[in-house]
C-alpha atoms as a PDB file:
ATOM      1  CA  MET A   1     -13.488  12.941  -2.446  1.00  0.00           C
ATOM      2  CA  ASP A   2     -13.423  15.785  -4.968  1.00  0.00           C
ATOM      3  CA  SER A   3     -11.216  14.925  -7.968  1.00  0.00           C
ATOM      4  CA  LEU A   4      -9.561  18.342  -7.813  1.00  0.00           C
ATOM      5  CA  VAL A   5      -8.394  17.604  -4.276  1.00  0.00           C
ATOM      6  CA  LEU A   6      -7.059  14.186  -5.300  1.00  0.00           C
ATOM      7  CA  ASP A   7      -5.214  15.684  -8.257  1.00  0.00           C
ATOM      8  CA  LYS A   8      -3.298  17.996  -5.920  1.00  0.00           C
ATOM      9  CA  ALA A   9      -0.088  16.226  -4.916  1.00  0.00           C
ATOM     10  CA  VAL A  10       0.957  15.886  -1.284  1.00  0.00           C
ATOM     11  CA  VAL A  11       4.425  17.462  -1.117  1.00  0.00           C
ATOM     12  CA  LEU A  12       6.703  16.091   1.602  1.00  0.00           C
ATOM     13  CA  THR A  13       9.056  18.455   3.394  1.00  0.00           C
ATOM     14  CA  GLY A  14       9.580  16.447   6.576  1.00  0.00           C
ATOM     15  CA  ARG A  15       8.075  19.265   8.615  1.00  0.00           C
ATOM     16  CA  ASP A  16       4.436  19.956   7.885  1.00  0.00           C
ATOM     17  CA  LEU A  17       2.535  16.841   6.826  1.00  0.00           C
ATOM     18  CA  LYS A  18      -1.135  17.203   7.792  1.00  0.00           C
ATOM     19  CA  ILE A  19      -3.518  14.447   8.912  1.00  0.00           C
ATOM     20  CA  GLY A  20      -5.818  15.276   6.017  1.00  0.00           C
ATOM     21  CA  GLU A  21      -2.940  14.791   3.576  1.00  0.00           C
ATOM     22  CA  LEU A  22      -2.104  11.453   5.171  1.00  0.00           C
ATOM     23  CA  VAL A  23      -5.703  10.337   4.658  1.00  0.00           C
ATOM     24  CA  ARG A  24      -5.713  11.510   1.044  1.00  0.00           C
ATOM     25  CA  VAL A  25      -2.671   9.401   0.227  1.00  0.00           C
ATOM     26  CA  ALA A  26      -3.477   6.363   2.364  1.00  0.00           C
ATOM     27  CA  ARG A  27      -7.160   5.993   1.496  1.00  0.00           C
ATOM     28  CA  ASP A  28      -7.725   7.950  -1.689  1.00  0.00           C
ATOM     29  CA  GLY A  29      -4.516   7.472  -3.665  1.00  0.00           C
ATOM     30  CA  ALA A  30      -3.372  11.102  -3.899  1.00  0.00           C
ATOM     31  CA  ARG A  31       0.043  11.563  -5.533  1.00  0.00           C
ATOM     32  CA  VAL A  32       3.170  12.069  -3.446  1.00  0.00           C
ATOM     33  CA  GLU A  33       6.081  14.370  -4.272  1.00  0.00           C
ATOM     34  CA  THR A  34       9.056  15.673  -2.314  1.00  0.00           C
ATOM     35  CA  ALA A  35       9.973  19.323  -1.929  1.00  0.00           C
ATOM     36  CA  GLY A  36      13.073  20.523  -3.740  1.00  0.00           C
ATOM     37  CA  ALA A  37      15.005  21.155  -0.523  1.00  0.00           C
ATOM     38  CA  VAL A  38      14.586  17.553   0.636  1.00  0.00           C
ATOM     39  CA  ALA A  39      17.191  16.071  -1.704  1.00  0.00           C
ATOM     40  CA  GLY A  40      19.900  18.438  -0.503  1.00  0.00           C
ATOM     41  CA  ALA A  41      19.255  17.719   3.185  1.00  0.00           C
ATOM     42  CA  VAL A  42      19.112  13.965   2.644  1.00  0.00           C
ATOM     43  CA  GLU A  43      22.270  13.925   0.528  1.00  0.00           C
ATOM     44  CA  ALA A  44      24.169  16.024   3.101  1.00  0.00           C
ATOM     45  CA  SER A  45      23.242  13.572   5.852  1.00  0.00           C
ATOM     46  CA  ARG A  46      24.302  10.634   3.718  1.00  0.00           C
ATOM     47  CA  GLU A  47      27.630  12.243   2.869  1.00  0.00           C
ATOM     48  CA  ALA A  48      28.314  12.861   6.563  1.00  0.00           C
ATOM     49  CA  LEU A  49      27.736   9.169   7.271  1.00  0.00           C
ATOM     50  CA  MET A  50      30.009   8.087   4.440  1.00  0.00           C
ATOM     51  CA  ARG A  51      32.793  10.333   5.740  1.00  0.00           C
ATOM     52  CA  LYS A  52      32.520   8.723   9.163  1.00  0.00           C
ATOM     53  CA  LEU A  53      32.599   5.251   7.650  1.00  0.00           C
ATOM     54  CA  GLY A  54      35.625   6.262   5.592  1.00  0.00           C
ATOM     55  CA  ARG A  55      37.393   6.981   8.881  1.00  0.00           C
ATOM     56  CA  GLN A  56      36.122   3.630  10.219  1.00  0.00           C
ATOM     57  CA  GLU A  57      34.320   5.304  13.099  1.00  0.00           C
ATOM     58  CA  ILE A  58      32.156   3.171  15.356  1.00  0.00           C
ATOM     59  CA  ILE A  59      28.490   3.839  14.616  1.00  0.00           C
ATOM     60  CA  TYR A  60      25.877   1.722  16.380  1.00  0.00           C
ATOM     61  CA  GLY A  61      23.910  -0.469  13.987  1.00  0.00           C
ATOM     62  CA  VAL A  62      25.932   0.694  10.995  1.00  0.00           C
ATOM     63  CA  SER A  63      29.458  -0.482  11.766  1.00  0.00           C
ATOM     64  CA  THR A  64      28.537  -2.517  14.874  1.00  0.00           C
ATOM     65  CA  GLY A  65      26.168  -5.310  15.688  1.00  0.00           C
ATOM     66  CA  PHE A  66      22.812  -4.699  17.374  1.00  0.00           C
ATOM     67  CA  GLY A  67      21.854  -5.036  21.043  1.00  0.00           C
ATOM     68  CA  ALA A  68      24.251  -7.308  22.917  1.00  0.00           C
ATOM     69  CA  ASN A  69      26.273  -7.672  19.706  1.00  0.00           C
ATOM     70  CA  VAL A  70      27.268  -4.010  19.816  1.00  0.00           C
ATOM     71  CA  LYS A  71      30.715  -5.147  20.941  1.00  0.00           C
ATOM     72  CA  TYR A  72      31.408  -6.533  17.473  1.00  0.00           C
ATOM     73  CA  PHE A  73      32.869  -4.177  14.863  1.00  0.00           C
ATOM     74  CA  ILE A  74      31.638  -4.905  11.333  1.00  0.00           C
ATOM     75  CA  PRO A  75      34.296  -4.580   8.610  1.00  0.00           C
ATOM     76  CA  PRO A  76      33.475  -2.315   5.646  1.00  0.00           C
ATOM     77  CA  SER A  77      33.119  -5.291   3.289  1.00  0.00           C
ATOM     78  CA  GLU A  78      30.197  -6.642   5.357  1.00  0.00           C
ATOM     79  CA  LEU A  79      28.214  -3.457   6.073  1.00  0.00           C
ATOM     80  CA  LYS A  80      25.704  -4.071   3.273  1.00  0.00           C
ATOM     81  CA  ALA A  81      25.122  -7.650   4.424  1.00  0.00           C
ATOM     82  CA  LEU A  82      24.536  -6.415   7.987  1.00  0.00           C
ATOM     83  CA  GLN A  83      21.685  -4.155   6.887  1.00  0.00           C
ATOM     84  CA  GLU A  84      20.152  -6.835   4.686  1.00  0.00           C
ATOM     85  CA  ASN A  85      20.391  -9.471   7.395  1.00  0.00           C
ATOM     86  CA  VAL A  86      18.727  -7.349  10.069  1.00  0.00           C
ATOM     87  CA  LEU A  87      15.789  -6.784   7.702  1.00  0.00           C
ATOM     88  CA  HIS A  88      15.581 -10.505   6.972  1.00  0.00           C
ATOM     89  CA  SER A  89      15.539 -11.278  10.701  1.00  0.00           C
ATOM     90  CA  LEU A  90      12.658  -8.842  11.241  1.00  0.00           C
ATOM     91  CA  CYS A  91      10.447 -10.096   8.393  1.00  0.00           C
ATOM     92  CA  CYS A  92       8.681 -12.418  10.808  1.00  0.00           C
ATOM     93  CA  GLY A  93       5.201 -10.946  11.141  1.00  0.00           C
ATOM     94  CA  VAL A  94       2.217 -13.279  11.423  1.00  0.00           C
ATOM     95  CA  GLY A  95      -1.550 -13.127  11.305  1.00  0.00           C
ATOM     96  CA  PRO A  96      -3.990 -11.444   8.938  1.00  0.00           C
ATOM     97  CA  GLU A  97      -2.859  -8.749   6.540  1.00  0.00           C
ATOM     98  CA  LEU A  98      -3.030  -5.127   7.577  1.00  0.00           C
ATOM     99  CA  ASP A  99      -5.483  -3.037   5.615  1.00  0.00           C
ATOM    100  CA  PRO A 100      -3.717  -1.556   2.561  1.00  0.00           C
ATOM    101  CA  ALA A 101      -4.626   1.965   3.710  1.00  0.00           C
ATOM    102  CA  VAL A 102      -2.753   1.355   6.975  1.00  0.00           C
ATOM    103  CA  VAL A 103       0.329   0.164   5.096  1.00  0.00           C
ATOM    104  CA  ARG A 104       0.159   3.110   2.694  1.00  0.00           C
ATOM    105  CA  GLY A 105      -0.094   5.460   5.657  1.00  0.00           C
ATOM    106  CA  ALA A 106       2.974   3.857   7.232  1.00  0.00           C
ATOM    107  CA  MET A 107       4.896   4.228   3.971  1.00  0.00           C
ATOM    108  CA  LEU A 108       3.991   7.912   3.727  1.00  0.00           C
ATOM    109  CA  LEU A 109       4.930   8.595   7.348  1.00  0.00           C
ATOM    110  CA  ARG A 110       8.277   6.872   6.852  1.00  0.00           C
ATOM    111  CA  ALA A 111       8.988   8.835   3.674  1.00  0.00           C
ATOM    112  CA  ASN A 112       8.095  12.058   5.483  1.00  0.00           C
ATOM    113  CA  ALA A 113      10.333  11.243   8.466  1.00  0.00           C
ATOM    114  CA  LEU A 114      13.260  10.369   6.195  1.00  0.00           C
ATOM    115  CA  SER A 115      12.722  13.649   4.323  1.00  0.00           C
ATOM    116  CA  LYS A 116      13.939  15.530   7.405  1.00  0.00           C
ATOM    117  CA  GLY A 117      17.501  14.576   6.453  1.00  0.00           C
ATOM    118  CA  TYR A 118      18.487  13.110   9.810  1.00  0.00           C
ATOM    119  CA  SER A 119      18.693   9.410   8.947  1.00  0.00           C
ATOM    120  CA  ALA A 120      21.566   9.251   6.415  1.00  0.00           C
ATOM    121  CA  VAL A 121      19.558   7.142   3.974  1.00  0.00           C
ATOM    122  CA  ARG A 122      20.124   7.399   0.245  1.00  0.00           C
ATOM    123  CA  PRO A 123      17.659   9.705  -1.529  1.00  0.00           C
ATOM    124  CA  ILE A 124      16.481   6.766  -3.635  1.00  0.00           C
ATOM    125  CA  VAL A 125      14.813   5.239  -0.551  1.00  0.00           C
ATOM    126  CA  ILE A 126      12.384   8.149  -0.335  1.00  0.00           C
ATOM    127  CA  GLU A 127      11.964   8.188  -4.102  1.00  0.00           C
ATOM    128  CA  ARG A 128      11.037   4.503  -4.185  1.00  0.00           C
ATOM    129  CA  LEU A 129       8.501   4.880  -1.372  1.00  0.00           C
ATOM    130  CA  ALA A 130       6.846   7.708  -3.298  1.00  0.00           C
ATOM    131  CA  GLN A 131       6.931   5.723  -6.543  1.00  0.00           C
ATOM    132  CA  MET A 132       5.274   2.719  -4.923  1.00  0.00           C
ATOM    133  CA  LEU A 133       2.572   4.911  -3.399  1.00  0.00           C
ATOM    134  CA  ASN A 134       1.954   6.657  -6.717  1.00  0.00           C
ATOM    135  CA  ALA A 135       1.828   3.358  -8.615  1.00  0.00           C
ATOM    136  CA  GLY A 136      -0.615   1.889  -6.103  1.00  0.00           C
ATOM    137  CA  VAL A 137       1.728  -0.964  -5.164  1.00  0.00           C
ATOM    138  CA  THR A 138       1.257  -1.917  -1.519  1.00  0.00           C
ATOM    139  CA  PRO A 139       3.393  -4.547   0.252  1.00  0.00           C
ATOM    140  CA  VAL A 140       1.468  -7.130   2.228  1.00  0.00           C
ATOM    141  CA  VAL A 141       2.289  -6.637   5.918  1.00  0.00           C
ATOM    142  CA  PRO A 142       1.162  -9.103   8.625  1.00  0.00           C
ATOM    143  CA  ARG A 143      -0.741  -7.601  11.537  1.00  0.00           C
ATOM    144  CA  TYR A 144       1.210  -9.124  14.429  1.00  0.00           C
ATOM    145  CA  GLY A 145       4.885  -9.297  15.352  1.00  0.00           C
ATOM    146  CA  SER A 146       6.165  -6.025  16.835  1.00  0.00           C
ATOM    147  CA  VAL A 147       6.377  -5.317  20.549  1.00  0.00           C
ATOM    148  CA  GLY A 148       8.229  -2.922  22.820  1.00  0.00           C
ATOM    149  CA  ALA A 149       9.586   0.565  22.263  1.00  0.00           C
ATOM    150  CA  SER A 150      10.458  -0.127  18.608  1.00  0.00           C
ATOM    151  CA  GLY A 151       7.003  -1.399  17.773  1.00  0.00           C
ATOM    152  CA  ASP A 152       7.228  -0.608  14.069  1.00  0.00           C
ATOM    153  CA  LEU A 153      10.299  -2.695  13.262  1.00  0.00           C
ATOM    154  CA  VAL A 154       8.556  -5.800  11.921  1.00  0.00           C
ATOM    155  CA  PRO A 155       5.998  -3.966   9.732  1.00  0.00           C
ATOM    156  CA  SER A 156       8.731  -1.621   8.504  1.00  0.00           C
ATOM    157  CA  ALA A 157      10.932  -4.592   7.619  1.00  0.00           C
ATOM    158  CA  HIS A 158       8.183  -6.091   5.467  1.00  0.00           C
ATOM    159  CA  ILE A 159       7.826  -2.775   3.635  1.00  0.00           C
ATOM    160  CA  ALA A 160      11.609  -2.501   3.233  1.00  0.00           C
ATOM    161  CA  SER A 161      11.699  -6.008   1.793  1.00  0.00           C
ATOM    162  CA  ALA A 162       9.467  -4.819  -1.033  1.00  0.00           C
ATOM    163  CA  LEU A 163      11.708  -1.778  -1.546  1.00  0.00           C
ATOM    164  CA  MET A 164      14.692  -4.110  -1.861  1.00  0.00           C
ATOM    165  CA  GLY A 165      12.880  -6.040  -4.579  1.00  0.00           C
ATOM    166  CA  GLU A 166      12.696  -9.268  -2.590  1.00  0.00           C
ATOM    167  CA  ALA A 167       8.930  -9.213  -2.224  1.00  0.00           C
ATOM    168  CA  ALA A 168       8.523  -7.925  -5.784  1.00  0.00           C
ATOM    169  CA  ARG A 169      10.327 -10.930  -7.255  1.00  0.00           C
ATOM    170  CA  GLN A 170       7.635 -13.197  -5.834  1.00  0.00           C
ATOM    171  CA  ALA A 171       4.720 -10.845  -6.295  1.00  0.00           C
ATOM    172  CA  HIS A 172       1.099 -11.652  -6.894  1.00  0.00           C
ATOM    173  CA  LYS A 173       0.229  -8.144  -8.003  1.00  0.00           C
ATOM    174  CA  ARG A 174      -3.195  -7.414  -9.450  1.00  0.00           C
ATOM    175  CA  GLN A 175      -3.100  -5.640 -12.781  1.00  0.00           C
ATOM    176  CA  ARG A 176      -4.901  -2.406 -13.636  1.00  0.00           C
ATOM    177  CA  GLY A 177      -8.101  -2.916 -15.586  1.00  0.00           C
ATOM    178  CA  ALA A 178      -8.381  -6.590 -14.651  1.00  0.00           C
ATOM    179  CA  GLY A 179     -11.682  -6.178 -12.776  1.00  0.00           C
ATOM    180  CA  ARG A 180     -12.505  -7.143  -9.237  1.00  0.00           C
ATOM    181  CA  GLY A 181     -11.037 -10.605  -9.558  1.00  0.00           C
ATOM    182  CA  GLY A 182      -7.782  -9.286 -10.968  1.00  0.00           C
ATOM    183  CA  ARG A 183      -5.140 -11.161 -12.900  1.00  0.00           C
ATOM    184  CA  ARG A 184      -2.198 -12.537 -11.004  1.00  0.00           C
ATOM    185  CA  ALA A 185       1.300 -12.090 -12.318  1.00  0.00           C
ATOM    186  CA  ASP A 186       3.471 -15.189 -12.500  1.00  0.00           C
ATOM    187  CA  PRO A 187       5.961 -15.358  -9.629  1.00  0.00           C
ATOM    188  CA  ALA A 188       9.500 -14.621 -10.757  1.00  0.00           C
ATOM    189  CA  GLY A 189      12.974 -14.463  -9.263  1.00  0.00           C
ATOM    190  CA  SER A 190      14.376 -16.609  -6.472  1.00  0.00           C
ATOM    191  CA  GLU A 191      13.299 -20.200  -5.995  1.00  0.00           C
ATOM    192  CA  GLY A 192      11.810 -21.430  -2.764  1.00  0.00           C
ATOM    193  CA  GLY A 193      11.208 -19.444   0.409  1.00  0.00           C
ATOM    194  CA  PRO A 194       7.989 -17.831   1.593  1.00  0.00           C
ATOM    195  CA  ARG A 195       5.840 -16.109  -0.997  1.00  0.00           C
ATOM    196  CA  ALA A 196       5.661 -12.391  -0.431  1.00  0.00           C
ATOM    197  CA  ARG A 197       2.760 -10.631  -2.103  1.00  0.00           C
ATOM    198  CA  GLN A 198       2.002  -7.117  -3.201  1.00  0.00           C
ATOM    199  CA  ARG A 199      -1.454  -5.695  -3.637  1.00  0.00           C
ATOM    200  CA  HIS A 200      -2.575  -3.034  -6.040  1.00  0.00           C
ATOM    201  CA  HIS A 201      -4.260  -0.059  -4.380  1.00  0.00           C
ATOM    202  CA  GLY A 202      -6.628   0.334  -7.335  1.00  0.00           C
ATOM    203  CA  ASP A 203      -8.278  -3.008  -6.559  1.00  0.00           C
ATOM    204  CA  ASP A 204      -9.202  -1.839  -3.069  1.00  0.00           C
ATOM    205  CA  GLN A 205     -10.669   1.357  -4.493  1.00  0.00           C
ATOM    206  CA  ARG A 206     -12.715  -0.701  -6.945  1.00  0.00           C
ATOM    207  CA  ARG A 207     -13.955  -2.981  -4.164  1.00  0.00           C
ATOM    208  CA  ARG A 208     -15.122   0.030  -2.149  1.00  0.00           C
ATOM    209  CA  ALA A 209     -16.834   1.492  -5.203  1.00  0.00           C
ATOM    210  CA  ASP A 210     -18.593  -1.806  -5.987  1.00  0.00           C
ATOM    211  CA  ALA A 211     -19.726  -2.420  -2.416  1.00  0.00           C
ATOM    212  CA  PRO A 212     -23.518  -2.112  -1.854  1.00  0.00           C
END
């Protein structure tokens, strides 16, 4: 792809992402930015949620359990643990790794959807997704695990785990300039548990360039 096209950032507004822009980010490593109006919309949504929680309103999946556990009200002191635990329960994918371009595409689509300002997430969630895409850091996501109407929950949970820093603490991330073989970083952080890996997008670009 023309370098001038790659140098042009894909700006997320939550309204007008094009397929060609998705391809540029997912496959070719184009930079990602958010439009100026995004922060205001996202912050307003978040503030509305916090006001509701301040009044201890019942909000499904935020101050209640999920599914059949909706009947249980979650006290304010345990709301953070609820969100962390549901992600942990969904990090159960199996099978071969998804192609990094597929994962990068999923990350971009999620960042674009959150940019609409309807989800009450903190702005830093979108910022971190963009930073990971721009740095070429791609969480490893297993191919199998999601079924039903919410078919993206398991892959999304694996991506969110990297955003939370849990995958990053046990990363085997290839370093820039290390060649095709790469140089693995020493695992750090928590002891035990499954090893979560991250892959550097630049290595995949180099492999494509070196392919006969």
